[in-house]
């Protein structure tokens, strides 16, 4: 009886620690000319909790830059081969706070006067595990500002009209 009780206690402790397991992923950002570089780190405390995104990128022009998870982790042709925004639900482009948006729509990051981004984001649609995981996909920082689907440009509802791809990296477990 005592061994059953001890086993039960250890099993419960194991379940608690499994529930509080933190998943971590990272993408190393590079641009086509090597000017844009940085790291994006993703953490998720539980498989159904928000993902926290820690962004450090340098070499950008000052100002806002569209920031998205793209569908493919293929960088064989630079950032172009990363495909479209990650959009498993086939919705229109939107802001990170929109009810209807691509899973990969993370809005904008702001580069300071020195071209450096250092920020943290939190997102409720991203996940680091399961069928909708962003692992193996790419994170892309764009040359221009994401209009969050509100700009009236033909590309607004598809890409946020954020311009070219300044830098990207494949998201992988840390």
C-alpha atoms as a PDB file:
ATOM      1  CA  UNK A   1       0.000   0.000   0.000  1.00  0.00           C
ATOM      2  CA  UNK A   2       2.827   2.376   0.858  1.00  0.00           C
ATOM      3  CA  UNK A   3       4.491   1.820  -2.561  1.00  0.00           C
ATOM      4  CA  UNK A   4       1.171   2.561  -4.319  1.00  0.00           C
ATOM      5  CA  UNK A   5       0.874   5.837  -2.399  1.00  0.00           C
ATOM      6  CA  UNK A   6       4.467   6.830  -3.228  1.00  0.00           C
ATOM      7  CA  UNK A   7       3.911   5.950  -6.908  1.00  0.00           C
ATOM      8  CA  UNK A   8       0.695   8.024  -6.946  1.00  0.00           C
ATOM      9  CA  UNK A   9       2.488  11.053  -5.447  1.00  0.00           C
ATOM     10  CA  UNK A  10       5.314  10.824  -8.025  1.00  0.00           C
ATOM     11  CA  UNK A  11       2.805  10.353 -10.852  1.00  0.00           C
ATOM     12  CA  UNK A  12       0.937  13.480  -9.743  1.00  0.00           C
ATOM     13  CA  UNK A  13       4.175  15.465  -9.488  1.00  0.00           C
ATOM     14  CA  UNK A  14       5.110  14.298 -12.983  1.00  0.00           C
ATOM     15  CA  UNK A  15       1.727  15.404 -14.311  1.00  0.00           C
ATOM     16  CA  UNK A  16       2.118  18.839 -12.732  1.00  0.00           C
ATOM     17  CA  UNK A  17       5.598  19.343 -14.180  1.00  0.00           C
ATOM     18  CA  UNK A  18       4.431  18.077 -17.596  1.00  0.00           C
ATOM     19  CA  UNK A  19       1.596  20.610 -17.528  1.00  0.00           C
ATOM     20  CA  UNK A  20       3.960  23.468 -16.695  1.00  0.00           C
ATOM     21  CA  UNK A  21       6.554  22.544 -19.317  1.00  0.00           C
ATOM     22  CA  UNK A  22       7.865  25.501 -21.265  1.00  0.00           C
ATOM     23  CA  UNK A  23       8.394  25.103 -24.998  1.00  0.00           C
ATOM     24  CA  UNK A  24      11.005  27.326 -26.642  1.00  0.00           C
ATOM     25  CA  UNK A  25      11.785  28.049 -30.269  1.00  0.00           C
ATOM     26  CA  UNK A  26      14.095  30.450 -32.058  1.00  0.00           C
ATOM     27  CA  UNK A  27      14.576  31.907 -35.532  1.00  0.00           C
ATOM     28  CA  UNK A  28      17.837  33.543 -36.582  1.00  0.00           C
ATOM     29  CA  UNK A  29      16.970  36.461 -38.856  1.00  0.00           C
ATOM     30  CA  UNK A  30      19.133  37.306 -41.853  1.00  0.00           C
ATOM     31  CA  UNK A  31      18.588  39.604 -44.804  1.00  0.00           C
ATOM     32  CA  UNK A  32      19.633  39.023 -48.394  1.00  0.00           C
ATOM     33  CA  UNK A  33      22.613  41.391 -48.123  1.00  0.00           C
ATOM     34  CA  UNK A  34      23.552  40.479 -44.542  1.00  0.00           C
ATOM     35  CA  UNK A  35      22.594  43.933 -43.275  1.00  0.00           C
ATOM     36  CA  UNK A  36      19.438  42.794 -41.453  1.00  0.00           C
ATOM     37  CA  UNK A  37      20.125  40.294 -38.681  1.00  0.00           C
ATOM     38  CA  UNK A  38      18.746  39.271 -35.331  1.00  0.00           C
ATOM     39  CA  UNK A  39      16.903  36.689 -33.281  1.00  0.00           C
ATOM     40  CA  UNK A  40      13.268  35.987 -32.560  1.00  0.00           C
ATOM     41  CA  UNK A  41      12.603  33.739 -29.572  1.00  0.00           C
ATOM     42  CA  UNK A  42       9.226  32.129 -28.921  1.00  0.00           C
ATOM     43  CA  UNK A  43       8.144  30.680 -25.572  1.00  0.00           C
ATOM     44  CA  UNK A  44       4.940  28.919 -24.563  1.00  0.00           C
ATOM     45  CA  UNK A  45       4.338  27.784 -21.004  1.00  0.00           C
ATOM     46  CA  UNK A  46       1.602  25.257 -21.820  1.00  0.00           C
ATOM     47  CA  UNK A  47       0.420  23.958 -25.165  1.00  0.00           C
ATOM     48  CA  UNK A  48      -2.791  25.992 -24.899  1.00  0.00           C
ATOM     49  CA  UNK A  49      -1.282  29.205 -23.466  1.00  0.00           C
ATOM     50  CA  UNK A  50      -0.220  32.393 -25.246  1.00  0.00           C
ATOM     51  CA  UNK A  51       3.092  32.460 -27.077  1.00  0.00           C
ATOM     52  CA  UNK A  52       5.517  35.191 -26.027  1.00  0.00           C
ATOM     53  CA  UNK A  53       7.702  36.526 -28.834  1.00  0.00           C
ATOM     54  CA  UNK A  54      10.996  38.266 -28.000  1.00  0.00           C
ATOM     55  CA  UNK A  55      12.326  40.231 -30.986  1.00  0.00           C
ATOM     56  CA  UNK A  56      15.820  41.662 -31.456  1.00  0.00           C
ATOM     57  CA  UNK A  57      16.637  42.766 -35.016  1.00  0.00           C
ATOM     58  CA  UNK A  58      19.105  45.333 -36.362  1.00  0.00           C
ATOM     59  CA  UNK A  59      19.857  46.801 -39.775  1.00  0.00           C
ATOM     60  CA  UNK A  60      16.325  47.941 -40.633  1.00  0.00           C
ATOM     61  CA  UNK A  61      15.271  51.394 -41.743  1.00  0.00           C
ATOM     62  CA  UNK A  62      13.776  53.388 -38.858  1.00  0.00           C
ATOM     63  CA  UNK A  63      10.008  53.013 -38.437  1.00  0.00           C
ATOM     64  CA  UNK A  64       7.348  50.289 -38.566  1.00  0.00           C
ATOM     65  CA  UNK A  65       7.878  46.980 -40.352  1.00  0.00           C
ATOM     66  CA  UNK A  66       5.318  44.236 -41.006  1.00  0.00           C
ATOM     67  CA  UNK A  67       6.096  41.130 -38.966  1.00  0.00           C
ATOM     68  CA  UNK A  68       4.547  37.781 -39.892  1.00  0.00           C
ATOM     69  CA  UNK A  69       4.848  34.020 -39.619  1.00  0.00           C
ATOM     70  CA  UNK A  70       4.909  32.633 -43.177  1.00  0.00           C
ATOM     71  CA  UNK A  71       3.716  29.197 -44.225  1.00  0.00           C
ATOM     72  CA  UNK A  72       7.020  27.602 -45.284  1.00  0.00           C
ATOM     73  CA  UNK A  73      10.407  27.241 -43.662  1.00  0.00           C
ATOM     74  CA  UNK A  74      11.965  27.140 -47.127  1.00  0.00           C
ATOM     75  CA  UNK A  75      14.627  29.835 -47.572  1.00  0.00           C
ATOM     76  CA  UNK A  76      16.248  28.247 -50.647  1.00  0.00           C
ATOM     77  CA  UNK A  77      15.452  31.406 -52.643  1.00  0.00           C
ATOM     78  CA  UNK A  78      15.889  33.809 -49.742  1.00  0.00           C
ATOM     79  CA  UNK A  79      12.817  35.088 -47.970  1.00  0.00           C
ATOM     80  CA  UNK A  80      10.726  34.830 -51.157  1.00  0.00           C
ATOM     81  CA  UNK A  81      10.436  31.046 -50.891  1.00  0.00           C
ATOM     82  CA  UNK A  82       8.824  31.292 -47.429  1.00  0.00           C
ATOM     83  CA  UNK A  83       5.435  31.526 -49.140  1.00  0.00           C
ATOM     84  CA  UNK A  84       2.421  33.478 -47.908  1.00  0.00           C
ATOM     85  CA  UNK A  85       1.382  34.342 -44.367  1.00  0.00           C
ATOM     86  CA  UNK A  86       0.545  31.296 -42.257  1.00  0.00           C
ATOM     87  CA  UNK A  87      -3.228  31.149 -42.688  1.00  0.00           C
ATOM     88  CA  UNK A  88      -4.668  27.683 -41.947  1.00  0.00           C
ATOM     89  CA  UNK A  89      -8.183  29.114 -41.497  1.00  0.00           C
ATOM     90  CA  UNK A  90      -8.235  30.877 -44.912  1.00  0.00           C
ATOM     91  CA  UNK A  91      -9.192  34.264 -43.422  1.00  0.00           C
ATOM     92  CA  UNK A  92      -8.412  37.819 -44.535  1.00  0.00           C
ATOM     93  CA  UNK A  93      -5.344  39.662 -43.278  1.00  0.00           C
ATOM     94  CA  UNK A  94      -5.813  41.675 -40.092  1.00  0.00           C
ATOM     95  CA  UNK A  95      -4.278  43.140 -36.973  1.00  0.00           C
ATOM     96  CA  UNK A  96      -3.054  40.889 -34.143  1.00  0.00           C
ATOM     97  CA  UNK A  97      -6.086  42.063 -32.141  1.00  0.00           C
ATOM     98  CA  UNK A  98      -8.618  41.349 -34.938  1.00  0.00           C
ATOM     99  CA  UNK A  99     -11.217  38.614 -34.446  1.00  0.00           C
ATOM    100  CA  UNK A 100     -10.601  37.456 -38.024  1.00  0.00           C
ATOM    101  CA  UNK A 101      -6.973  37.279 -39.179  1.00  0.00           C
ATOM    102  CA  UNK A 102      -4.225  35.004 -40.380  1.00  0.00           C
ATOM    103  CA  UNK A 103      -2.580  33.045 -37.579  1.00  0.00           C
ATOM    104  CA  UNK A 104       0.714  34.551 -38.798  1.00  0.00           C
ATOM    105  CA  UNK A 105      -0.415  38.196 -38.600  1.00  0.00           C
ATOM    106  CA  UNK A 106       1.720  39.752 -35.864  1.00  0.00           C
ATOM    107  CA  UNK A 107       1.316  43.380 -36.929  1.00  0.00           C
ATOM    108  CA  UNK A 108       4.345  45.664 -36.907  1.00  0.00           C
ATOM    109  CA  UNK A 109       7.617  45.944 -35.073  1.00  0.00           C
ATOM    110  CA  UNK A 110       9.156  49.398 -34.769  1.00  0.00           C
ATOM    111  CA  UNK A 111      12.815  50.032 -35.575  1.00  0.00           C
ATOM    112  CA  UNK A 112      14.319  52.941 -33.643  1.00  0.00           C
ATOM    113  CA  UNK A 113      16.424  55.746 -35.192  1.00  0.00           C
ATOM    114  CA  UNK A 114      19.369  53.295 -35.345  1.00  0.00           C
ATOM    115  CA  UNK A 115      17.347  50.636 -37.193  1.00  0.00           C
ATOM    116  CA  UNK A 116      17.084  48.388 -34.122  1.00  0.00           C
ATOM    117  CA  UNK A 117      13.994  46.517 -32.940  1.00  0.00           C
ATOM    118  CA  UNK A 118      13.888  45.277 -29.362  1.00  0.00           C
ATOM    119  CA  UNK A 119      10.398  44.318 -28.275  1.00  0.00           C
ATOM    120  CA  UNK A 120       8.175  41.609 -26.837  1.00  0.00           C
ATOM    121  CA  UNK A 121       4.824  40.506 -28.250  1.00  0.00           C
ATOM    122  CA  UNK A 122       2.214  38.095 -26.920  1.00  0.00           C
ATOM    123  CA  UNK A 123      -0.095  36.185 -29.245  1.00  0.00           C
ATOM    124  CA  UNK A 124      -3.028  33.876 -28.550  1.00  0.00           C
ATOM    125  CA  UNK A 125      -3.204  32.133 -31.972  1.00  0.00           C
ATOM    126  CA  UNK A 126       0.405  30.984 -32.313  1.00  0.00           C
ATOM    127  CA  UNK A 127       1.370  27.594 -30.917  1.00  0.00           C
ATOM    128  CA  UNK A 128       4.658  25.724 -30.626  1.00  0.00           C
ATOM    129  CA  UNK A 129       3.124  22.246 -30.762  1.00  0.00           C
ATOM    130  CA  UNK A 130       0.312  20.324 -32.385  1.00  0.00           C
ATOM    131  CA  UNK A 131      -1.260  20.434 -35.826  1.00  0.00           C
ATOM    132  CA  UNK A 132      -1.170  24.262 -36.035  1.00  0.00           C
ATOM    133  CA  UNK A 133       2.399  24.650 -34.777  1.00  0.00           C
ATOM    134  CA  UNK A 134       4.638  27.354 -36.232  1.00  0.00           C
ATOM    135  CA  UNK A 135       7.720  25.113 -35.855  1.00  0.00           C
ATOM    136  CA  UNK A 136       9.370  24.666 -39.266  1.00  0.00           C
ATOM    137  CA  UNK A 137       7.704  27.792 -40.677  1.00  0.00           C
ATOM    138  CA  UNK A 138       9.444  31.143 -41.282  1.00  0.00           C
ATOM    139  CA  UNK A 139       9.237  34.490 -39.520  1.00  0.00           C
ATOM    140  CA  UNK A 140       9.559  37.452 -41.902  1.00  0.00           C
ATOM    141  CA  UNK A 141      10.207  41.129 -41.225  1.00  0.00           C
ATOM    142  CA  UNK A 142       9.043  43.301 -44.119  1.00  0.00           C
ATOM    143  CA  UNK A 143      10.496  46.488 -45.595  1.00  0.00           C
ATOM    144  CA  UNK A 144       7.342  48.529 -44.992  1.00  0.00           C
ATOM    145  CA  UNK A 145       4.531  49.053 -42.534  1.00  0.00           C
ATOM    146  CA  UNK A 146       1.675  46.545 -42.318  1.00  0.00           C
ATOM    147  CA  UNK A 147      -1.601  48.447 -42.798  1.00  0.00           C
ATOM    148  CA  UNK A 148      -3.371  45.689 -40.786  1.00  0.00           C
ATOM    149  CA  UNK A 149      -5.842  45.051 -43.604  1.00  0.00           C
ATOM    150  CA  UNK A 150      -7.274  48.562 -43.363  1.00  0.00           C
ATOM    151  CA  UNK A 151      -5.339  50.416 -46.077  1.00  0.00           C
ATOM    152  CA  UNK A 152      -7.689  50.064 -49.031  1.00  0.00           C
ATOM    153  CA  UNK A 153      -4.829  48.820 -51.254  1.00  0.00           C
ATOM    154  CA  UNK A 154      -5.561  45.635 -53.266  1.00  0.00           C
ATOM    155  CA  UNK A 155      -2.955  43.805 -51.122  1.00  0.00           C
ATOM    156  CA  UNK A 156      -4.318  45.061 -47.770  1.00  0.00           C
ATOM    157  CA  UNK A 157      -6.591  42.080 -47.089  1.00  0.00           C
ATOM    158  CA  UNK A 158      -3.944  39.606 -48.295  1.00  0.00           C
ATOM    159  CA  UNK A 159      -0.592  40.884 -46.973  1.00  0.00           C
ATOM    160  CA  UNK A 160      -1.200  44.197 -45.219  1.00  0.00           C
ATOM    161  CA  UNK A 161       0.664  45.825 -48.123  1.00  0.00           C
ATOM    162  CA  UNK A 162       3.851  45.602 -46.034  1.00  0.00           C
ATOM    163  CA  UNK A 163       6.247  45.618 -48.981  1.00  0.00           C
ATOM    164  CA  UNK A 164       9.235  43.389 -49.657  1.00  0.00           C
ATOM    165  CA  UNK A 165      10.971  41.036 -47.277  1.00  0.00           C
ATOM    166  CA  UNK A 166      13.866  42.626 -45.393  1.00  0.00           C
ATOM    167  CA  UNK A 167      14.839  39.541 -43.423  1.00  0.00           C
ATOM    168  CA  UNK A 168      13.649  36.104 -42.358  1.00  0.00           C
ATOM    169  CA  UNK A 169      14.500  32.948 -40.464  1.00  0.00           C
ATOM    170  CA  UNK A 170      13.179  29.422 -39.964  1.00  0.00           C
ATOM    171  CA  UNK A 171      11.485  28.775 -36.618  1.00  0.00           C
ATOM    172  CA  UNK A 172      12.908  25.738 -34.829  1.00  0.00           C
ATOM    173  CA  UNK A 173      12.946  24.298 -31.318  1.00  0.00           C
ATOM    174  CA  UNK A 174      15.626  25.783 -29.114  1.00  0.00           C
END
